[in-house]
Amino acid sequence: MNQLITKERVRALYVLKSEHARGCPHCAPQKAKLSMVFGEGNPDAKIMFIGEDPGEEEDKLGRPFVGRAGKLLDKQIEAMGLAREEVYIANIVKCRPPDNRVPTPEEVRLCMPYLIGQIEIIKPMALVTLGATASKYLLDNPILAITRERGTWKMFRDIPLMPTYHPAYLLRSYTLENRKKVWDDLKKVLEKVGLRVPRSRSDFSGLVPK
């Protein structure tokens, strides 16, 4: 990737983050949040992972996916033959909702332009939505069932999008069948962006965060 393009993307993401910090109405202190969790990773990433919202650990540290579910996501990324620093990770909502509830449609409406801005700046070759909430909003399908739609390619603004299970769901239902489904989804993503599929890890066997 051209270094000039990389620098331009870094700067554009910084400007977007600053705009979000100034203008996002549900990121105010009265929401009792500790941090704005904007997103992190490679501005030239081929693959962008998108979750729902920050959890408690993410809120404390200001980084996406750093709790138990985040550790499992890291293992999944490693199993793909990649490092966390090579992909980009974000959420549809940048601040933790009160009581850790699901984001409201209004909160998503207010925050979605910033996520779309991230996507437009990074220009990934593929999006991976983690769980039902992120998939529903990016695909504009409020009745989407992740168990039915995961593993099938969709499109978001001309970018291929792969819905899959959220790592938090896998932690609750850490079965060989579910691990295999997620790995099958991620193999499709690797193939879509032209990366080699590792053969050594077929089901994330034993990759349980401590």
N, C-alpha and C. Protein backbone atom coordinates (compact mmCIF):
# COMPACT_ATOMS: atom_id res chain seq x y z
N MET A 1 0.84 -1.19 0.00
CA MET A 1 0.00 0.00 0.00
C MET A 1 0.88 1.25 0.00
N ASN A 2 0.54 2.22 -0.83
CA ASN A 2 1.26 3.47 -0.92
C ASN A 2 1.28 4.17 0.44
N GLN A 3 2.47 4.59 0.90
CA GLN A 3 2.60 5.20 2.21
C GLN A 3 1.80 6.49 2.32
N LEU A 4 1.68 7.21 1.22
CA LEU A 4 0.91 8.45 1.23
C LEU A 4 -0.56 8.15 1.49
N ILE A 5 -1.08 7.10 0.84
CA ILE A 5 -2.47 6.71 1.06
C ILE A 5 -2.68 6.30 2.52
N THR A 6 -1.72 5.54 3.08
CA THR A 6 -1.82 5.12 4.47
C THR A 6 -1.89 6.33 5.40
N LYS A 7 -1.00 7.31 5.18
CA LYS A 7 -0.99 8.51 6.01
C LYS A 7 -2.30 9.28 5.89
N GLU A 8 -2.84 9.34 4.68
CA GLU A 8 -4.10 10.04 4.47
C GLU A 8 -5.24 9.35 5.21
N ARG A 9 -5.21 8.02 5.22
CA ARG A 9 -6.25 7.28 5.93
C ARG A 9 -6.12 7.45 7.44
N VAL A 10 -4.89 7.43 7.95
CA VAL A 10 -4.67 7.65 9.38
C VAL A 10 -5.21 9.02 9.78
N ARG A 11 -4.89 10.02 8.98
CA ARG A 11 -5.35 11.37 9.29
C ARG A 11 -6.88 11.45 9.20
N ALA A 12 -7.46 10.84 8.18
CA ALA A 12 -8.91 10.89 8.02
C ALA A 12 -9.63 10.20 9.18
N LEU A 13 -9.06 9.10 9.66
CA LEU A 13 -9.66 8.41 10.81
C LEU A 13 -9.55 9.27 12.06
N TYR A 14 -8.43 9.96 12.23
CA TYR A 14 -8.26 10.85 13.38
C TYR A 14 -9.29 11.98 13.34
N VAL A 15 -9.47 12.56 12.18
CA VAL A 15 -10.45 13.65 12.03
C VAL A 15 -11.86 13.13 12.34
N LEU A 16 -12.18 11.95 11.83
CA LEU A 16 -13.51 11.37 12.07
C LEU A 16 -13.71 11.08 13.55
N LYS A 17 -12.69 10.56 14.20
CA LYS A 17 -12.78 10.28 15.64
C LYS A 17 -13.01 11.57 16.42
N SER A 18 -12.32 12.64 16.03
CA SER A 18 -12.50 13.93 16.70
C SER A 18 -13.91 14.46 16.48
N GLU A 19 -14.43 14.31 15.29
CA GLU A 19 -15.80 14.74 15.01
C GLU A 19 -16.78 13.97 15.87
N HIS A 20 -16.55 12.67 16.00
CA HIS A 20 -17.43 11.84 16.82
C HIS A 20 -17.39 12.30 18.27
N ALA A 21 -16.21 12.57 18.79
CA ALA A 21 -16.08 12.98 20.18
C ALA A 21 -16.80 14.30 20.45
N ARG A 22 -16.79 15.19 19.45
CA ARG A 22 -17.46 16.49 19.62
C ARG A 22 -18.96 16.40 19.40
N GLY A 23 -19.37 15.55 18.48
CA GLY A 23 -20.74 15.65 18.01
C GLY A 23 -21.69 14.55 18.38
N CYS A 24 -21.21 13.44 18.96
CA CYS A 24 -22.11 12.31 19.21
C CYS A 24 -22.89 12.56 20.50
N PRO A 25 -24.21 12.77 20.42
CA PRO A 25 -24.97 13.18 21.60
C PRO A 25 -25.09 12.11 22.68
N HIS A 26 -24.99 10.83 22.32
CA HIS A 26 -25.12 9.82 23.37
C HIS A 26 -23.75 9.40 23.91
N CYS A 27 -22.72 10.18 23.61
CA CYS A 27 -21.41 9.94 24.21
C CYS A 27 -21.13 10.94 25.32
N ALA A 28 -22.17 11.59 25.83
CA ALA A 28 -22.01 12.59 26.88
C ALA A 28 -21.74 11.92 28.23
N PRO A 29 -21.11 12.65 29.16
CA PRO A 29 -20.77 12.06 30.47
C PRO A 29 -21.96 11.51 31.23
N GLN A 30 -23.16 12.07 31.02
CA GLN A 30 -24.31 11.59 31.77
C GLN A 30 -24.67 10.14 31.45
N LYS A 31 -24.09 9.61 30.40
CA LYS A 31 -24.33 8.20 30.07
C LYS A 31 -23.49 7.27 30.94
N ALA A 32 -22.65 7.82 31.78
CA ALA A 32 -21.83 7.05 32.73
C ALA A 32 -20.79 6.18 32.05
N LYS A 33 -20.48 6.51 30.81
CA LYS A 33 -19.42 5.76 30.14
C LYS A 33 -18.07 6.31 30.57
N LEU A 34 -17.05 5.51 30.42
CA LEU A 34 -15.70 5.94 30.75
C LEU A 34 -14.92 6.34 29.51
N SER A 35 -15.18 5.67 28.39
CA SER A 35 -14.38 5.89 27.19
C SER A 35 -15.25 5.85 25.94
N MET A 36 -14.80 6.54 24.92
CA MET A 36 -15.32 6.34 23.59
C MET A 36 -14.44 5.28 22.93
N VAL A 37 -15.05 4.25 22.44
CA VAL A 37 -14.31 3.15 21.82
C VAL A 37 -14.50 3.27 20.31
N PHE A 38 -13.61 3.99 19.68
CA PHE A 38 -13.81 4.34 18.27
C PHE A 38 -13.52 3.17 17.34
N GLY A 39 -12.44 2.46 17.60
CA GLY A 39 -12.01 1.38 16.71
C GLY A 39 -10.49 1.41 16.62
N GLU A 40 -9.91 0.32 16.14
CA GLU A 40 -8.46 0.28 16.02
C GLU A 40 -8.04 -0.77 15.00
N GLY A 41 -6.82 -0.60 14.52
CA GLY A 41 -6.27 -1.57 13.59
C GLY A 41 -5.57 -0.91 12.42
N ASN A 42 -5.43 -1.69 11.37
CA ASN A 42 -4.71 -1.27 10.18
C ASN A 42 -5.61 -0.41 9.29
N PRO A 43 -5.23 0.84 9.01
CA PRO A 43 -6.06 1.67 8.14
C PRO A 43 -6.13 1.16 6.71
N ASP A 44 -5.23 0.23 6.36
CA ASP A 44 -5.23 -0.37 5.03
C ASP A 44 -5.76 -1.81 5.06
N ALA A 45 -6.49 -2.16 6.11
CA ALA A 45 -6.92 -3.54 6.32
C ALA A 45 -7.77 -4.06 5.16
N LYS A 46 -7.52 -5.31 4.79
CA LYS A 46 -8.37 -5.98 3.81
C LYS A 46 -9.67 -6.46 4.46
N ILE A 47 -9.61 -6.74 5.77
CA ILE A 47 -10.75 -7.29 6.49
C ILE A 47 -11.10 -6.39 7.66
N MET A 48 -12.38 -6.07 7.81
CA MET A 48 -12.85 -5.25 8.92
C MET A 48 -13.90 -6.02 9.69
N PHE A 49 -13.68 -6.18 10.99
CA PHE A 49 -14.63 -6.85 11.87
C PHE A 49 -15.49 -5.81 12.57
N ILE A 50 -16.80 -6.05 12.62
CA ILE A 50 -17.72 -5.08 13.20
C ILE A 50 -18.61 -5.78 14.22
N GLY A 51 -18.55 -5.30 15.46
CA GLY A 51 -19.38 -5.84 16.52
C GLY A 51 -20.53 -4.91 16.88
N GLU A 52 -21.09 -5.14 18.06
CA GLU A 52 -22.29 -4.42 18.50
C GLU A 52 -21.95 -3.13 19.23
N ASP A 53 -21.34 -3.25 20.41
CA ASP A 53 -20.99 -2.09 21.22
C ASP A 53 -19.91 -2.50 22.22
N PRO A 54 -19.27 -1.53 22.86
CA PRO A 54 -18.24 -1.88 23.84
C PRO A 54 -18.84 -2.53 25.09
N GLY A 55 -18.09 -3.46 25.66
CA GLY A 55 -18.45 -4.03 26.94
C GLY A 55 -17.72 -3.31 28.06
N GLU A 56 -17.74 -3.89 29.26
CA GLU A 56 -17.16 -3.23 30.42
C GLU A 56 -15.65 -3.02 30.27
N GLU A 57 -14.93 -4.05 29.83
CA GLU A 57 -13.48 -3.91 29.68
C GLU A 57 -13.12 -2.93 28.58
N GLU A 58 -13.89 -2.99 27.50
CA GLU A 58 -13.65 -2.06 26.39
C GLU A 58 -13.88 -0.62 26.84
N ASP A 59 -14.93 -0.42 27.66
CA ASP A 59 -15.25 0.90 28.17
C ASP A 59 -14.11 1.44 29.04
N LYS A 60 -13.52 0.56 29.84
CA LYS A 60 -12.44 0.98 30.73
C LYS A 60 -11.18 1.35 29.95
N LEU A 61 -10.87 0.56 28.93
CA LEU A 61 -9.59 0.72 28.22
C LEU A 61 -9.69 1.57 26.96
N GLY A 62 -10.92 1.80 26.47
CA GLY A 62 -11.08 2.58 25.26
C GLY A 62 -10.67 1.84 24.00
N ARG A 63 -10.69 0.51 24.05
CA ARG A 63 -10.30 -0.32 22.91
C ARG A 63 -11.40 -1.35 22.63
N PRO A 64 -11.64 -1.69 21.37
CA PRO A 64 -12.68 -2.67 21.05
C PRO A 64 -12.19 -4.10 21.28
N PHE A 65 -13.08 -4.94 21.75
CA PHE A 65 -12.84 -6.39 21.87
C PHE A 65 -11.55 -6.70 22.64
N VAL A 66 -11.54 -6.33 23.91
CA VAL A 66 -10.39 -6.65 24.77
C VAL A 66 -10.79 -7.50 25.98
N GLY A 67 -12.08 -7.79 26.14
CA GLY A 67 -12.53 -8.67 27.20
C GLY A 67 -12.42 -10.13 26.79
N ARG A 68 -13.17 -11.01 27.41
CA ARG A 68 -13.09 -12.44 27.11
C ARG A 68 -13.48 -12.70 25.65
N ALA A 69 -14.53 -12.05 25.18
CA ALA A 69 -14.93 -12.24 23.78
C ALA A 69 -13.84 -11.72 22.85
N GLY A 70 -13.19 -10.64 23.24
CA GLY A 70 -12.11 -10.10 22.43
C GLY A 70 -10.92 -11.03 22.34
N LYS A 71 -10.62 -11.70 23.44
CA LYS A 71 -9.52 -12.66 23.43
C LYS A 71 -9.82 -13.82 22.48
N LEU A 72 -11.08 -14.23 22.45
CA LEU A 72 -11.46 -15.29 21.52
C LEU A 72 -11.38 -14.78 20.08
N LEU A 73 -11.80 -13.55 19.85
CA LEU A 73 -11.67 -12.97 18.51
C LEU A 73 -10.20 -12.92 18.09
N ASP A 74 -9.32 -12.57 19.01
CA ASP A 74 -7.89 -12.56 18.71
C ASP A 74 -7.43 -13.94 18.26
N LYS A 75 -7.90 -14.99 18.94
CA LYS A 75 -7.53 -16.36 18.58
C LYS A 75 -8.06 -16.71 17.19
N GLN A 76 -9.24 -16.24 16.88
CA GLN A 76 -9.81 -16.50 15.55
C GLN A 76 -8.99 -15.81 14.47
N ILE A 77 -8.60 -14.57 14.74
CA ILE A 77 -7.78 -13.84 13.77
C ILE A 77 -6.44 -14.53 13.59
N GLU A 78 -5.85 -14.98 14.69
CA GLU A 78 -4.58 -15.72 14.61
C GLU A 78 -4.75 -17.01 13.82
N ALA A 79 -5.86 -17.68 14.02
CA ALA A 79 -6.11 -18.92 13.28
C ALA A 79 -6.23 -18.66 11.78
N MET A 80 -6.62 -17.43 11.41
CA MET A 80 -6.70 -17.06 10.00
C MET A 80 -5.31 -16.78 9.42
N GLY A 81 -4.28 -16.83 10.27
CA GLY A 81 -2.94 -16.53 9.81
C GLY A 81 -2.63 -15.05 9.83
N LEU A 82 -3.41 -14.29 10.60
CA LEU A 82 -3.25 -12.85 10.66
C LEU A 82 -2.96 -12.41 12.09
N ALA A 83 -2.51 -11.18 12.23
CA ALA A 83 -2.37 -10.55 13.54
C ALA A 83 -3.48 -9.52 13.69
N ARG A 84 -3.84 -9.24 14.93
CA ARG A 84 -4.87 -8.24 15.20
C ARG A 84 -4.53 -6.91 14.53
N GLU A 85 -3.23 -6.58 14.49
CA GLU A 85 -2.81 -5.31 13.91
C GLU A 85 -2.99 -5.25 12.39
N GLU A 86 -3.28 -6.38 11.77
CA GLU A 86 -3.44 -6.41 10.31
C GLU A 86 -4.89 -6.19 9.87
N VAL A 87 -5.83 -6.29 10.80
CA VAL A 87 -7.23 -6.09 10.48
C VAL A 87 -7.70 -4.81 11.15
N TYR A 88 -8.95 -4.44 10.93
CA TYR A 88 -9.53 -3.30 11.63
C TYR A 88 -10.76 -3.78 12.39
N ILE A 89 -10.93 -3.31 13.63
CA ILE A 89 -12.01 -3.76 14.49
C ILE A 89 -12.78 -2.55 15.00
N ALA A 90 -14.09 -2.60 14.87
CA ALA A 90 -14.93 -1.48 15.32
C ALA A 90 -16.29 -2.03 15.76
N ASN A 91 -17.14 -1.13 16.25
CA ASN A 91 -18.50 -1.47 16.63
C ASN A 91 -19.48 -0.51 15.98
N ILE A 92 -20.75 -0.91 15.91
CA ILE A 92 -21.74 -0.01 15.33
C ILE A 92 -22.03 1.16 16.26
N VAL A 93 -21.87 0.96 17.58
CA VAL A 93 -22.03 2.02 18.57
C VAL A 93 -20.71 2.16 19.32
N LYS A 94 -20.26 3.37 19.50
CA LYS A 94 -18.91 3.61 20.01
C LYS A 94 -18.82 3.74 21.53
N CYS A 95 -19.93 3.81 22.22
CA CYS A 95 -19.91 3.91 23.67
C CYS A 95 -20.82 2.85 24.28
N ARG A 96 -20.48 2.41 25.46
CA ARG A 96 -21.23 1.36 26.13
C ARG A 96 -22.59 1.86 26.58
N PRO A 97 -23.69 1.24 26.14
CA PRO A 97 -25.02 1.65 26.61
C PRO A 97 -25.17 1.37 28.11
N PRO A 98 -26.03 2.14 28.79
CA PRO A 98 -26.26 1.91 30.21
C PRO A 98 -26.71 0.48 30.48
N ASP A 99 -26.23 -0.08 31.59
CA ASP A 99 -26.61 -1.43 32.03
C ASP A 99 -26.25 -2.50 30.99
N ASN A 100 -25.34 -2.16 30.08
CA ASN A 100 -24.88 -3.12 29.08
C ASN A 100 -26.00 -3.66 28.20
N ARG A 101 -27.03 -2.85 28.00
CA ARG A 101 -28.16 -3.29 27.18
C ARG A 101 -27.80 -3.20 25.70
N VAL A 102 -28.67 -3.78 24.86
CA VAL A 102 -28.50 -3.69 23.41
C VAL A 102 -28.73 -2.24 22.97
N PRO A 103 -27.95 -1.73 22.04
CA PRO A 103 -28.16 -0.35 21.58
C PRO A 103 -29.56 -0.16 21.02
N THR A 104 -30.13 1.01 21.28
CA THR A 104 -31.44 1.32 20.73
C THR A 104 -31.31 1.72 19.25
N PRO A 105 -32.38 1.61 18.49
CA PRO A 105 -32.32 2.05 17.09
C PRO A 105 -31.88 3.51 16.95
N GLU A 106 -32.29 4.36 17.90
CA GLU A 106 -31.89 5.76 17.84
C GLU A 106 -30.39 5.92 18.08
N GLU A 107 -29.85 5.18 19.02
CA GLU A 107 -28.40 5.24 19.26
C GLU A 107 -27.63 4.77 18.03
N VAL A 108 -28.12 3.73 17.41
CA VAL A 108 -27.45 3.24 16.20
C VAL A 108 -27.56 4.27 15.08
N ARG A 109 -28.72 4.89 14.95
CA ARG A 109 -28.91 5.89 13.90
C ARG A 109 -27.92 7.04 14.07
N LEU A 110 -27.69 7.44 15.31
CA LEU A 110 -26.79 8.56 15.57
C LEU A 110 -25.33 8.18 15.37
N CYS A 111 -25.00 6.93 15.64
CA CYS A 111 -23.61 6.51 15.58
C CYS A 111 -23.20 5.90 14.23
N MET A 112 -24.16 5.39 13.49
CA MET A 112 -23.86 4.70 12.24
C MET A 112 -23.07 5.53 11.24
N PRO A 113 -23.31 6.85 11.11
CA PRO A 113 -22.52 7.61 10.14
C PRO A 113 -21.02 7.53 10.40
N TYR A 114 -20.62 7.39 11.66
CA TYR A 114 -19.19 7.31 11.97
C TYR A 114 -18.62 5.95 11.56
N LEU A 115 -19.40 4.90 11.74
CA LEU A 115 -18.96 3.59 11.27
C LEU A 115 -18.85 3.58 9.75
N ILE A 116 -19.85 4.14 9.09
CA ILE A 116 -19.81 4.22 7.62
C ILE A 116 -18.60 5.03 7.18
N GLY A 117 -18.29 6.09 7.93
CA GLY A 117 -17.09 6.86 7.62
C GLY A 117 -15.83 6.03 7.74
N GLN A 118 -15.74 5.21 8.77
CA GLN A 118 -14.59 4.33 8.91
C GLN A 118 -14.47 3.39 7.72
N ILE A 119 -15.58 2.81 7.33
CA ILE A 119 -15.58 1.87 6.20
C ILE A 119 -15.14 2.58 4.92
N GLU A 120 -15.64 3.77 4.71
CA GLU A 120 -15.30 4.52 3.49
C GLU A 120 -13.83 4.92 3.46
N ILE A 121 -13.26 5.20 4.62
CA ILE A 121 -11.84 5.57 4.68
C ILE A 121 -10.94 4.36 4.47
N ILE A 122 -11.25 3.26 5.17
CA ILE A 122 -10.40 2.08 5.13
C ILE A 122 -10.55 1.31 3.82
N LYS A 123 -11.76 1.29 3.28
CA LYS A 123 -12.04 0.58 2.04
C LYS A 123 -11.62 -0.90 2.12
N PRO A 124 -12.14 -1.64 3.10
CA PRO A 124 -11.77 -3.06 3.21
C PRO A 124 -12.31 -3.86 2.03
N MET A 125 -11.70 -4.99 1.79
CA MET A 125 -12.18 -5.88 0.74
C MET A 125 -13.34 -6.75 1.22
N ALA A 126 -13.47 -6.89 2.54
CA ALA A 126 -14.56 -7.68 3.11
C ALA A 126 -14.87 -7.19 4.51
N LEU A 127 -16.15 -7.23 4.86
CA LEU A 127 -16.63 -6.92 6.20
C LEU A 127 -17.08 -8.21 6.87
N VAL A 128 -16.82 -8.33 8.17
CA VAL A 128 -17.31 -9.46 8.95
C VAL A 128 -18.14 -8.89 10.09
N THR A 129 -19.44 -9.13 10.07
CA THR A 129 -20.29 -8.67 11.17
C THR A 129 -20.39 -9.77 12.21
N LEU A 130 -20.14 -9.39 13.46
CA LEU A 130 -20.09 -10.33 14.57
C LEU A 130 -21.40 -10.28 15.34
N GLY A 131 -22.27 -11.24 15.09
CA GLY A 131 -23.52 -11.32 15.82
C GLY A 131 -24.69 -10.68 15.10
N ALA A 132 -25.87 -10.88 15.70
CA ALA A 132 -27.12 -10.47 15.06
C ALA A 132 -27.27 -8.95 14.98
N THR A 133 -26.91 -8.24 16.05
CA THR A 133 -27.18 -6.80 16.07
C THR A 133 -26.42 -6.07 14.97
N ALA A 134 -25.12 -6.30 14.87
CA ALA A 134 -24.34 -5.64 13.82
C ALA A 134 -24.85 -6.04 12.43
N SER A 135 -25.19 -7.30 12.28
CA SER A 135 -25.65 -7.78 10.97
C SER A 135 -26.99 -7.15 10.60
N LYS A 136 -27.90 -7.06 11.55
CA LYS A 136 -29.22 -6.47 11.28
C LYS A 136 -29.10 -5.04 10.78
N TYR A 137 -28.28 -4.25 11.46
CA TYR A 137 -28.22 -2.83 11.11
C TYR A 137 -27.45 -2.58 9.82
N LEU A 138 -26.36 -3.29 9.60
CA LEU A 138 -25.62 -3.07 8.37
C LEU A 138 -26.38 -3.59 7.15
N LEU A 139 -27.19 -4.62 7.35
CA LEU A 139 -27.96 -5.17 6.24
C LEU A 139 -29.38 -4.63 6.19
N ASP A 140 -29.69 -3.72 7.13
CA ASP A 140 -31.01 -3.09 7.18
C ASP A 140 -32.13 -4.14 7.17
N ASN A 141 -31.96 -5.12 8.05
CA ASN A 141 -32.93 -6.21 8.15
C ASN A 141 -33.23 -6.46 9.63
N PRO A 142 -34.26 -5.79 10.18
CA PRO A 142 -34.53 -5.88 11.62
C PRO A 142 -34.96 -7.26 12.10
N ILE A 143 -35.33 -8.14 11.19
CA ILE A 143 -35.76 -9.49 11.60
C ILE A 143 -34.72 -10.54 11.23
N LEU A 144 -33.51 -10.11 10.91
CA LEU A 144 -32.47 -11.05 10.53
C LEU A 144 -32.20 -12.06 11.64
N ALA A 145 -32.13 -13.31 11.26
CA ALA A 145 -31.78 -14.39 12.19
C ALA A 145 -30.36 -14.84 11.87
N ILE A 146 -29.43 -14.61 12.80
CA ILE A 146 -28.03 -14.91 12.53
C ILE A 146 -27.80 -16.40 12.31
N THR A 147 -28.60 -17.24 12.94
CA THR A 147 -28.43 -18.68 12.76
C THR A 147 -28.75 -19.10 11.33
N ARG A 148 -29.61 -18.34 10.67
CA ARG A 148 -29.98 -18.67 9.29
C ARG A 148 -29.10 -17.96 8.26
N GLU A 149 -28.68 -16.73 8.58
CA GLU A 149 -27.99 -15.91 7.59
C GLU A 149 -26.47 -16.02 7.65
N ARG A 150 -25.92 -16.50 8.77
CA ARG A 150 -24.46 -16.57 8.87
C ARG A 150 -23.93 -17.52 7.80
N GLY A 151 -22.74 -17.21 7.34
CA GLY A 151 -22.10 -18.08 6.35
C GLY A 151 -22.48 -17.80 4.92
N THR A 152 -23.37 -16.84 4.69
CA THR A 152 -23.77 -16.52 3.32
C THR A 152 -23.38 -15.08 3.00
N TRP A 153 -22.77 -14.89 1.86
CA TRP A 153 -22.29 -13.56 1.49
C TRP A 153 -23.44 -12.60 1.25
N LYS A 154 -23.30 -11.40 1.81
CA LYS A 154 -24.21 -10.29 1.58
C LYS A 154 -23.39 -9.14 1.00
N MET A 155 -24.03 -8.01 0.79
CA MET A 155 -23.31 -6.84 0.30
C MET A 155 -23.69 -5.62 1.13
N PHE A 156 -22.69 -4.79 1.41
CA PHE A 156 -22.92 -3.49 2.04
C PHE A 156 -22.18 -2.45 1.22
N ARG A 157 -22.92 -1.65 0.50
CA ARG A 157 -22.33 -0.59 -0.33
C ARG A 157 -21.21 -1.14 -1.22
N ASP A 158 -21.50 -2.20 -1.91
CA ASP A 158 -20.59 -2.84 -2.86
C ASP A 158 -19.42 -3.56 -2.20
N ILE A 159 -19.46 -3.71 -0.88
CA ILE A 159 -18.42 -4.47 -0.18
C ILE A 159 -19.01 -5.80 0.28
N PRO A 160 -18.38 -6.93 -0.03
CA PRO A 160 -18.88 -8.21 0.45
C PRO A 160 -18.91 -8.25 1.98
N LEU A 161 -19.99 -8.77 2.53
CA LEU A 161 -20.17 -8.80 3.98
C LEU A 161 -20.52 -10.22 4.42
N MET A 162 -19.79 -10.73 5.40
CA MET A 162 -20.02 -12.07 5.93
C MET A 162 -20.54 -11.98 7.36
N PRO A 163 -21.80 -12.34 7.61
CA PRO A 163 -22.29 -12.40 8.98
C PRO A 163 -21.83 -13.71 9.63
N THR A 164 -21.42 -13.62 10.90
CA THR A 164 -21.05 -14.82 11.63
C THR A 164 -21.42 -14.64 13.10
N TYR A 165 -21.22 -15.67 13.89
CA TYR A 165 -21.55 -15.59 15.30
C TYR A 165 -20.61 -14.65 16.04
N HIS A 166 -21.13 -13.97 17.03
CA HIS A 166 -20.33 -13.12 17.90
C HIS A 166 -19.48 -14.01 18.81
N PRO A 167 -18.23 -13.63 19.08
CA PRO A 167 -17.42 -14.44 19.99
C PRO A 167 -18.08 -14.66 21.36
N ALA A 168 -18.86 -13.70 21.83
CA ALA A 168 -19.55 -13.87 23.11
C ALA A 168 -20.54 -15.03 23.05
N TYR A 169 -21.17 -15.20 21.90
CA TYR A 169 -22.08 -16.34 21.73
C TYR A 169 -21.30 -17.65 21.77
N LEU A 170 -20.15 -17.67 21.13
CA LEU A 170 -19.33 -18.90 21.16
C LEU A 170 -18.91 -19.24 22.58
N LEU A 171 -18.61 -18.23 23.39
CA LEU A 171 -18.23 -18.50 24.77
C LEU A 171 -19.37 -19.14 25.55
N ARG A 172 -20.60 -18.77 25.18
CA ARG A 172 -21.76 -19.36 25.86
C ARG A 172 -22.09 -20.74 25.31
N SER A 173 -21.76 -20.96 24.06
CA SER A 173 -22.09 -22.23 23.42
C SER A 173 -20.88 -22.72 22.63
N TYR A 174 -19.85 -23.09 23.37
CA TYR A 174 -18.56 -23.41 22.77
C TYR A 174 -18.52 -24.87 22.33
N THR A 175 -19.32 -25.18 21.31
CA THR A 175 -19.40 -26.53 20.80
C THR A 175 -18.53 -26.69 19.56
N LEU A 176 -18.17 -27.91 19.27
CA LEU A 176 -17.39 -28.17 18.07
C LEU A 176 -18.17 -27.72 16.83
N GLU A 177 -19.47 -27.94 16.83
CA GLU A 177 -20.30 -27.55 15.69
C GLU A 177 -20.25 -26.04 15.46
N ASN A 178 -20.40 -25.26 16.52
CA ASN A 178 -20.38 -23.81 16.37
C ASN A 178 -19.01 -23.29 15.98
N ARG A 179 -17.95 -23.87 16.54
CA ARG A 179 -16.61 -23.46 16.16
C ARG A 179 -16.35 -23.74 14.69
N LYS A 180 -16.82 -24.88 14.23
CA LYS A 180 -16.64 -25.23 12.81
C LYS A 180 -17.41 -24.26 11.91
N LYS A 181 -18.60 -23.86 12.33
CA LYS A 181 -19.37 -22.91 11.52
C LYS A 181 -18.63 -21.58 11.38
N VAL A 182 -18.09 -21.09 12.49
CA VAL A 182 -17.37 -19.82 12.44
C VAL A 182 -16.12 -19.96 11.58
N TRP A 183 -15.39 -21.05 11.75
CA TRP A 183 -14.19 -21.25 10.95
C TRP A 183 -14.53 -21.35 9.47
N ASP A 184 -15.62 -22.01 9.13
CA ASP A 184 -16.05 -22.07 7.74
C ASP A 184 -16.33 -20.66 7.20
N ASP A 185 -16.97 -19.83 8.03
CA ASP A 185 -17.25 -18.45 7.62
C ASP A 185 -15.96 -17.68 7.38
N LEU A 186 -15.00 -17.82 8.29
CA LEU A 186 -13.75 -17.07 8.18
C LEU A 186 -12.89 -17.57 7.02
N LYS A 187 -12.96 -18.85 6.71
CA LYS A 187 -12.25 -19.35 5.53
C LYS A 187 -12.79 -18.71 4.26
N LYS A 188 -14.10 -18.53 4.20
CA LYS A 188 -14.69 -17.86 3.04
C LYS A 188 -14.18 -16.43 2.92
N VAL A 189 -14.01 -15.78 4.06
CA VAL A 189 -13.50 -14.40 4.05
C VAL A 189 -12.07 -14.36 3.52
N LEU A 190 -11.23 -15.28 3.99
CA LEU A 190 -9.85 -15.34 3.50
C LEU A 190 -9.82 -15.56 1.99
N GLU A 191 -10.62 -16.47 1.52
CA GLU A 191 -10.67 -16.75 0.08
C GLU A 191 -11.15 -15.53 -0.69
N LYS A 192 -12.12 -14.81 -0.13
CA LYS A 192 -12.68 -13.64 -0.81
C LYS A 192 -11.62 -12.55 -1.01
N VAL A 193 -10.75 -12.37 -0.02
CA VAL A 193 -9.76 -11.30 -0.11
C VAL A 193 -8.43 -11.78 -0.68
N GLY A 194 -8.38 -13.04 -1.10
CA GLY A 194 -7.20 -13.56 -1.77
C GLY A 194 -6.08 -13.98 -0.85
N LEU A 195 -6.40 -14.36 0.39
CA LEU A 195 -5.39 -14.82 1.33
C LEU A 195 -5.46 -16.33 1.48
N ARG A 196 -4.31 -16.93 1.77
CA ARG A 196 -4.24 -18.38 1.92
C ARG A 196 -4.97 -18.83 3.18
N VAL A 197 -5.66 -19.94 3.07
CA VAL A 197 -6.38 -20.52 4.20
C VAL A 197 -5.45 -21.48 4.94
N PRO A 198 -5.10 -21.20 6.20
CA PRO A 198 -4.24 -22.13 6.96
C PRO A 198 -4.94 -23.48 7.13
N ARG A 199 -4.16 -24.54 7.13
CA ARG A 199 -4.73 -25.87 7.26
C ARG A 199 -4.65 -26.43 8.67
N SER A 200 -3.90 -25.78 9.54
CA SER A 200 -3.59 -26.39 10.84
C SER A 200 -4.69 -26.23 11.87
N ARG A 201 -5.60 -25.26 11.68
CA ARG A 201 -6.63 -25.02 12.69
C ARG A 201 -7.99 -25.03 12.02
N SER A 202 -8.71 -26.10 12.16
CA SER A 202 -9.95 -26.27 11.44
C SER A 202 -11.19 -25.96 12.27
N ASP A 203 -11.04 -25.86 13.60
CA ASP A 203 -12.24 -25.68 14.41
C ASP A 203 -11.99 -24.87 15.69
N PHE A 204 -10.82 -24.20 15.80
CA PHE A 204 -10.45 -23.46 17.00
C PHE A 204 -10.38 -24.37 18.22
N SER A 205 -10.12 -25.66 18.00
CA SER A 205 -10.10 -26.60 19.12
C SER A 205 -9.14 -26.17 20.21
N GLY A 206 -9.67 -26.05 21.42
CA GLY A 206 -8.86 -25.69 22.57
C GLY A 206 -8.58 -24.21 22.71
N LEU A 207 -9.03 -23.39 21.78
CA LEU A 207 -8.72 -21.97 21.85
C LEU A 207 -9.75 -21.25 22.71
N VAL A 208 -9.70 -21.49 23.99
CA VAL A 208 -10.62 -20.87 24.92
C VAL A 208 -9.86 -19.85 25.76
N PRO A 209 -10.29 -18.58 25.77
CA PRO A 209 -9.58 -17.58 26.56
C PRO A 209 -9.57 -17.92 28.04
N LYS A 210 -8.48 -17.62 28.71
CA LYS A 210 -8.39 -17.84 30.14
C LYS A 210 -9.10 -16.75 30.91
